[in-house]
């Protein structure tokens, strides 16, 4: 994608999305494209709340997840959403959601891979089998934060605008 100004993603011989690399990565047309272009977390759940700017869905074994509302959605719809690993924050301390538009989840670090410029975390959510992939870049060494290790209890969180709806199945 680094040498392309337009990309076509094909599935079973058919073009499923045509666009710039940024459009395809940030706004994939469906779950196939989201998983094909880069690493991602796909979550499926049922809509329990519809607000003016975001919706809340209940994801099995995860809990309530908030995602930006970019199309008509109704309570009871089933959504598939993508959250890219670099959009998720991981902290040892709980993050307070003062605006009401964050997803904040409890997790345990099942695995971490340090690779110099970032650490890749596999965070198991709410003692379930669901694991989220989180990338933590090593960019701000002046900001002190708690070191997160294997088997630590942590919080993972992201804003509703960091998640993107890739599929809607009406109720």
C-alpha atoms as a PDB file:
ATOM      1  CA  UNK A   1       0.000   0.000   0.000  1.00  0.00           C
ATOM      2  CA  UNK A   2       2.964   2.323   0.480  1.00  0.00           C
ATOM      3  CA  UNK A   3       3.516   2.799  -3.253  1.00  0.00           C
ATOM      4  CA  UNK A   4      -0.147   2.979  -4.270  1.00  0.00           C
ATOM      5  CA  UNK A   5      -2.474   5.918  -4.567  1.00  0.00           C
ATOM      6  CA  UNK A   6      -5.462   3.602  -5.251  1.00  0.00           C
ATOM      7  CA  UNK A   7      -5.997   0.076  -3.957  1.00  0.00           C
ATOM      8  CA  UNK A   8      -8.529  -2.557  -4.974  1.00  0.00           C
ATOM      9  CA  UNK A   9      -9.323  -5.299  -2.474  1.00  0.00           C
ATOM     10  CA  UNK A  10     -10.760  -8.439  -4.034  1.00  0.00           C
ATOM     11  CA  UNK A  11     -12.600 -11.332  -2.424  1.00  0.00           C
ATOM     12  CA  UNK A  12     -13.438 -14.430  -4.462  1.00  0.00           C
ATOM     13  CA  UNK A  13     -12.645 -12.623  -7.716  1.00  0.00           C
ATOM     14  CA  UNK A  14     -14.820  -9.566  -7.003  1.00  0.00           C
ATOM     15  CA  UNK A  15     -13.711  -6.081  -6.020  1.00  0.00           C
ATOM     16  CA  UNK A  16     -15.177  -5.402  -2.560  1.00  0.00           C
ATOM     17  CA  UNK A  17     -13.510  -2.021  -2.017  1.00  0.00           C
ATOM     18  CA  UNK A  18     -11.639   0.489  -4.136  1.00  0.00           C
ATOM     19  CA  UNK A  19     -10.017   3.539  -2.561  1.00  0.00           C
ATOM     20  CA  UNK A  20      -6.913   5.186  -1.203  1.00  0.00           C
ATOM     21  CA  UNK A  21      -4.789   3.181   1.247  1.00  0.00           C
ATOM     22  CA  UNK A  22      -6.017   5.424   4.089  1.00  0.00           C
ATOM     23  CA  UNK A  23      -9.694   4.973   3.133  1.00  0.00           C
ATOM     24  CA  UNK A  24      -9.338   1.206   2.996  1.00  0.00           C
ATOM     25  CA  UNK A  25      -7.408   0.977   6.275  1.00  0.00           C
ATOM     26  CA  UNK A  26      -9.518   3.462   8.282  1.00  0.00           C
ATOM     27  CA  UNK A  27     -12.924   2.732   6.718  1.00  0.00           C
ATOM     28  CA  UNK A  28     -12.997  -0.876   5.482  1.00  0.00           C
ATOM     29  CA  UNK A  29     -16.071  -1.897   3.521  1.00  0.00           C
ATOM     30  CA  UNK A  30     -16.609  -5.115   5.484  1.00  0.00           C
ATOM     31  CA  UNK A  31     -15.023  -7.555   7.906  1.00  0.00           C
ATOM     32  CA  UNK A  32     -13.009  -9.221   5.153  1.00  0.00           C
ATOM     33  CA  UNK A  33     -11.320  -5.962   4.143  1.00  0.00           C
ATOM     34  CA  UNK A  34     -10.706  -4.995   7.785  1.00  0.00           C
ATOM     35  CA  UNK A  35      -8.908  -8.280   8.442  1.00  0.00           C
ATOM     36  CA  UNK A  36      -7.097  -8.346   5.103  1.00  0.00           C
ATOM     37  CA  UNK A  37      -5.548  -4.874   5.405  1.00  0.00           C
ATOM     38  CA  UNK A  38      -3.519  -4.790   8.610  1.00  0.00           C
ATOM     39  CA  UNK A  39      -4.101  -6.242  12.042  1.00  0.00           C
ATOM     40  CA  UNK A  40      -7.405  -5.473  13.726  1.00  0.00           C
ATOM     41  CA  UNK A  41      -9.845  -6.452  16.444  1.00  0.00           C
ATOM     42  CA  UNK A  42     -13.292  -7.453  15.193  1.00  0.00           C
ATOM     43  CA  UNK A  43     -16.174  -7.369  17.672  1.00  0.00           C
ATOM     44  CA  UNK A  44     -19.761  -8.443  17.008  1.00  0.00           C
ATOM     45  CA  UNK A  45     -22.621  -7.399  19.225  1.00  0.00           C
ATOM     46  CA  UNK A  46     -26.212  -6.263  19.483  1.00  0.00           C
ATOM     47  CA  UNK A  47     -27.106  -2.565  19.685  1.00  0.00           C
ATOM     48  CA  UNK A  48     -28.574  -1.604  23.074  1.00  0.00           C
ATOM     49  CA  UNK A  49     -28.452   2.202  22.790  1.00  0.00           C
ATOM     50  CA  UNK A  50     -28.561   4.680  19.905  1.00  0.00           C
ATOM     51  CA  UNK A  51     -27.424   8.231  20.574  1.00  0.00           C
ATOM     52  CA  UNK A  52     -26.912  11.170  18.234  1.00  0.00           C
ATOM     53  CA  UNK A  53     -23.184  10.540  17.707  1.00  0.00           C
ATOM     54  CA  UNK A  54     -22.511   6.984  18.890  1.00  0.00           C
ATOM     55  CA  UNK A  55     -24.176   3.635  19.530  1.00  0.00           C
ATOM     56  CA  UNK A  56     -23.571   1.106  22.282  1.00  0.00           C
ATOM     57  CA  UNK A  57     -23.518  -2.586  21.574  1.00  0.00           C
ATOM     58  CA  UNK A  58     -23.354  -5.548  23.916  1.00  0.00           C
ATOM     59  CA  UNK A  59     -20.540  -7.884  22.878  1.00  0.00           C
ATOM     60  CA  UNK A  60     -20.580 -11.395  24.342  1.00  0.00           C
ATOM     61  CA  UNK A  61     -17.797 -11.971  26.905  1.00  0.00           C
ATOM     62  CA  UNK A  62     -16.640  -8.351  26.473  1.00  0.00           C
ATOM     63  CA  UNK A  63     -19.432  -6.053  27.637  1.00  0.00           C
ATOM     64  CA  UNK A  64     -20.619  -2.700  26.358  1.00  0.00           C
ATOM     65  CA  UNK A  65     -18.709  -1.215  23.417  1.00  0.00           C
ATOM     66  CA  UNK A  66     -19.269   2.279  22.015  1.00  0.00           C
ATOM     67  CA  UNK A  67     -18.772   3.076  18.339  1.00  0.00           C
ATOM     68  CA  UNK A  68     -19.273   6.183  16.222  1.00  0.00           C
ATOM     69  CA  UNK A  69     -22.657   6.256  14.508  1.00  0.00           C
ATOM     70  CA  UNK A  70     -21.997   6.900  10.822  1.00  0.00           C
ATOM     71  CA  UNK A  71     -25.186   5.431   9.360  1.00  0.00           C
ATOM     72  CA  UNK A  72     -28.769   4.663  10.410  1.00  0.00           C
ATOM     73  CA  UNK A  73     -28.777   2.122  13.260  1.00  0.00           C
ATOM     74  CA  UNK A  74     -31.642   0.866  15.408  1.00  0.00           C
ATOM     75  CA  UNK A  75     -31.752  -0.896  18.766  1.00  0.00           C
ATOM     76  CA  UNK A  76     -31.521  -4.651  18.218  1.00  0.00           C
ATOM     77  CA  UNK A  77     -29.324  -4.463  15.096  1.00  0.00           C
ATOM     78  CA  UNK A  78     -26.246  -6.693  15.133  1.00  0.00           C
ATOM     79  CA  UNK A  79     -23.031  -4.872  14.249  1.00  0.00           C
ATOM     80  CA  UNK A  80     -19.534  -5.979  13.366  1.00  0.00           C
ATOM     81  CA  UNK A  81     -17.029  -3.300  14.343  1.00  0.00           C
ATOM     82  CA  UNK A  82     -13.293  -2.988  13.880  1.00  0.00           C
ATOM     83  CA  UNK A  83     -10.901  -1.368  16.326  1.00  0.00           C
ATOM     84  CA  UNK A  84      -7.315  -1.115  15.134  1.00  0.00           C
ATOM     85  CA  UNK A  85      -4.695  -2.090  17.764  1.00  0.00           C
ATOM     86  CA  UNK A  86      -2.978   1.301  17.611  1.00  0.00           C
ATOM     87  CA  UNK A  87      -6.262   3.029  18.553  1.00  0.00           C
ATOM     88  CA  UNK A  88      -6.549   1.150  21.856  1.00  0.00           C
ATOM     89  CA  UNK A  89      -4.818   2.435  24.979  1.00  0.00           C
ATOM     90  CA  UNK A  90      -3.613   0.128  27.740  1.00  0.00           C
ATOM     91  CA  UNK A  91      -3.011   1.372  31.277  1.00  0.00           C
ATOM     92  CA  UNK A  92      -2.438   0.001  34.742  1.00  0.00           C
ATOM     93  CA  UNK A  93      -4.846   2.586  36.157  1.00  0.00           C
ATOM     94  CA  UNK A  94      -8.544   2.832  35.337  1.00  0.00           C
ATOM     95  CA  UNK A  95      -9.405   5.576  32.872  1.00  0.00           C
ATOM     96  CA  UNK A  96     -12.392   7.710  33.867  1.00  0.00           C
ATOM     97  CA  UNK A  97     -14.838   8.402  31.046  1.00  0.00           C
ATOM     98  CA  UNK A  98     -16.070  11.928  31.800  1.00  0.00           C
ATOM     99  CA  UNK A  99     -17.670  12.446  28.371  1.00  0.00           C
ATOM    100  CA  UNK A 100     -19.477   9.083  28.275  1.00  0.00           C
ATOM    101  CA  UNK A 101     -18.118   8.087  24.865  1.00  0.00           C
ATOM    102  CA  UNK A 102     -15.317   5.682  25.819  1.00  0.00           C
ATOM    103  CA  UNK A 103     -15.183   1.923  25.974  1.00  0.00           C
ATOM    104  CA  UNK A 104     -13.219   0.941  29.098  1.00  0.00           C
ATOM    105  CA  UNK A 105     -12.640  -2.772  29.751  1.00  0.00           C
ATOM    106  CA  UNK A 106     -10.838  -4.868  32.369  1.00  0.00           C
ATOM    107  CA  UNK A 107      -8.203  -7.218  31.006  1.00  0.00           C
ATOM    108  CA  UNK A 108      -5.232  -9.407  31.840  1.00  0.00           C
ATOM    109  CA  UNK A 109      -2.044  -9.357  29.758  1.00  0.00           C
ATOM    110  CA  UNK A 110      -1.761 -12.861  28.286  1.00  0.00           C
ATOM    111  CA  UNK A 111       1.266 -12.062  26.165  1.00  0.00           C
ATOM    112  CA  UNK A 112       3.448  -9.102  25.312  1.00  0.00           C
ATOM    113  CA  UNK A 113       6.024  -8.690  22.612  1.00  0.00           C
ATOM    114  CA  UNK A 114       8.563  -5.889  22.896  1.00  0.00           C
ATOM    115  CA  UNK A 115       9.876  -4.837  19.489  1.00  0.00           C
ATOM    116  CA  UNK A 116      11.833  -1.648  20.156  1.00  0.00           C
ATOM    117  CA  UNK A 117       9.509   0.982  18.727  1.00  0.00           C
ATOM    118  CA  UNK A 118       6.375  -0.546  20.287  1.00  0.00           C
ATOM    119  CA  UNK A 119       5.046  -3.245  22.546  1.00  0.00           C
ATOM    120  CA  UNK A 120       2.340  -5.557  21.235  1.00  0.00           C
ATOM    121  CA  UNK A 121      -0.059  -6.691  23.981  1.00  0.00           C
ATOM    122  CA  UNK A 122      -2.568  -9.527  23.878  1.00  0.00           C
ATOM    123  CA  UNK A 123      -5.111  -8.494  26.502  1.00  0.00           C
ATOM    124  CA  UNK A 124      -7.717 -11.067  27.599  1.00  0.00           C
ATOM    125  CA  UNK A 125     -10.967  -9.249  28.387  1.00  0.00           C
ATOM    126  CA  UNK A 126     -12.971  -9.826  31.594  1.00  0.00           C
ATOM    127  CA  UNK A 127     -11.430 -13.265  32.273  1.00  0.00           C
ATOM    128  CA  UNK A 128     -13.085 -14.559  29.082  1.00  0.00           C
ATOM    129  CA  UNK A 129     -11.626 -16.163  25.963  1.00  0.00           C
ATOM    130  CA  UNK A 130     -11.827 -12.871  24.035  1.00  0.00           C
ATOM    131  CA  UNK A 131      -8.429 -11.279  23.474  1.00  0.00           C
ATOM    132  CA  UNK A 132      -7.748  -7.830  22.070  1.00  0.00           C
ATOM    133  CA  UNK A 133      -4.544  -6.874  20.312  1.00  0.00           C
ATOM    134  CA  UNK A 134      -3.104  -3.547  21.523  1.00  0.00           C
ATOM    135  CA  UNK A 135      -0.074  -1.667  20.145  1.00  0.00           C
ATOM    136  CA  UNK A 136       1.639   0.728  22.538  1.00  0.00           C
ATOM    137  CA  UNK A 137       4.182   2.926  20.755  1.00  0.00           C
ATOM    138  CA  UNK A 138       7.332   3.988  22.544  1.00  0.00           C
ATOM    139  CA  UNK A 139       7.179   7.677  21.636  1.00  0.00           C
ATOM    140  CA  UNK A 140       7.073   9.740  24.806  1.00  0.00           C
ATOM    141  CA  UNK A 141       9.819   8.857  27.232  1.00  0.00           C
ATOM    142  CA  UNK A 142       9.269  12.042  29.258  1.00  0.00           C
ATOM    143  CA  UNK A 143       5.835  10.871  30.351  1.00  0.00           C
ATOM    144  CA  UNK A 144       6.110   8.398  33.175  1.00  0.00           C
ATOM    145  CA  UNK A 145       3.641   5.555  33.122  1.00  0.00           C
ATOM    146  CA  UNK A 146       3.458   2.292  34.947  1.00  0.00           C
ATOM    147  CA  UNK A 147       5.314  -0.578  33.319  1.00  0.00           C
ATOM    148  CA  UNK A 148       2.906  -3.291  32.225  1.00  0.00           C
ATOM    149  CA  UNK A 149       4.078  -6.889  32.446  1.00  0.00           C
ATOM    150  CA  UNK A 150       2.842 -10.373  31.603  1.00  0.00           C
ATOM    151  CA  UNK A 151      -0.215 -11.423  33.673  1.00  0.00           C
ATOM    152  CA  UNK A 152      -0.825  -7.857  34.944  1.00  0.00           C
ATOM    153  CA  UNK A 153      -4.410  -6.725  35.395  1.00  0.00           C
ATOM    154  CA  UNK A 154      -4.935  -3.716  33.136  1.00  0.00           C
ATOM    155  CA  UNK A 155      -7.537  -1.499  31.514  1.00  0.00           C
ATOM    156  CA  UNK A 156      -7.937  -1.180  27.767  1.00  0.00           C
ATOM    157  CA  UNK A 157      -9.895   1.730  26.381  1.00  0.00           C
ATOM    158  CA  UNK A 158     -10.729   3.674  23.245  1.00  0.00           C
ATOM    159  CA  UNK A 159     -13.040   6.441  22.106  1.00  0.00           C
ATOM    160  CA  UNK A 160     -16.192   5.801  20.111  1.00  0.00           C
ATOM    161  CA  UNK A 161     -14.566   7.509  17.093  1.00  0.00           C
ATOM    162  CA  UNK A 162     -11.711   4.970  17.239  1.00  0.00           C
ATOM    163  CA  UNK A 163     -14.068   2.100  16.373  1.00  0.00           C
ATOM    164  CA  UNK A 164     -15.643   1.715  12.936  1.00  0.00           C
ATOM    165  CA  UNK A 165     -18.778  -0.161  11.883  1.00  0.00           C
ATOM    166  CA  UNK A 166     -18.041  -2.612   9.061  1.00  0.00           C
ATOM    167  CA  UNK A 167     -21.289  -4.590   8.918  1.00  0.00           C
ATOM    168  CA  UNK A 168     -24.914  -4.044   9.986  1.00  0.00           C
ATOM    169  CA  UNK A 169     -27.458  -6.838  10.254  1.00  0.00           C
ATOM    170  CA  UNK A 170     -30.859  -5.276  10.945  1.00  0.00           C
ATOM    171  CA  UNK A 171     -32.981  -6.758  13.720  1.00  0.00           C
END
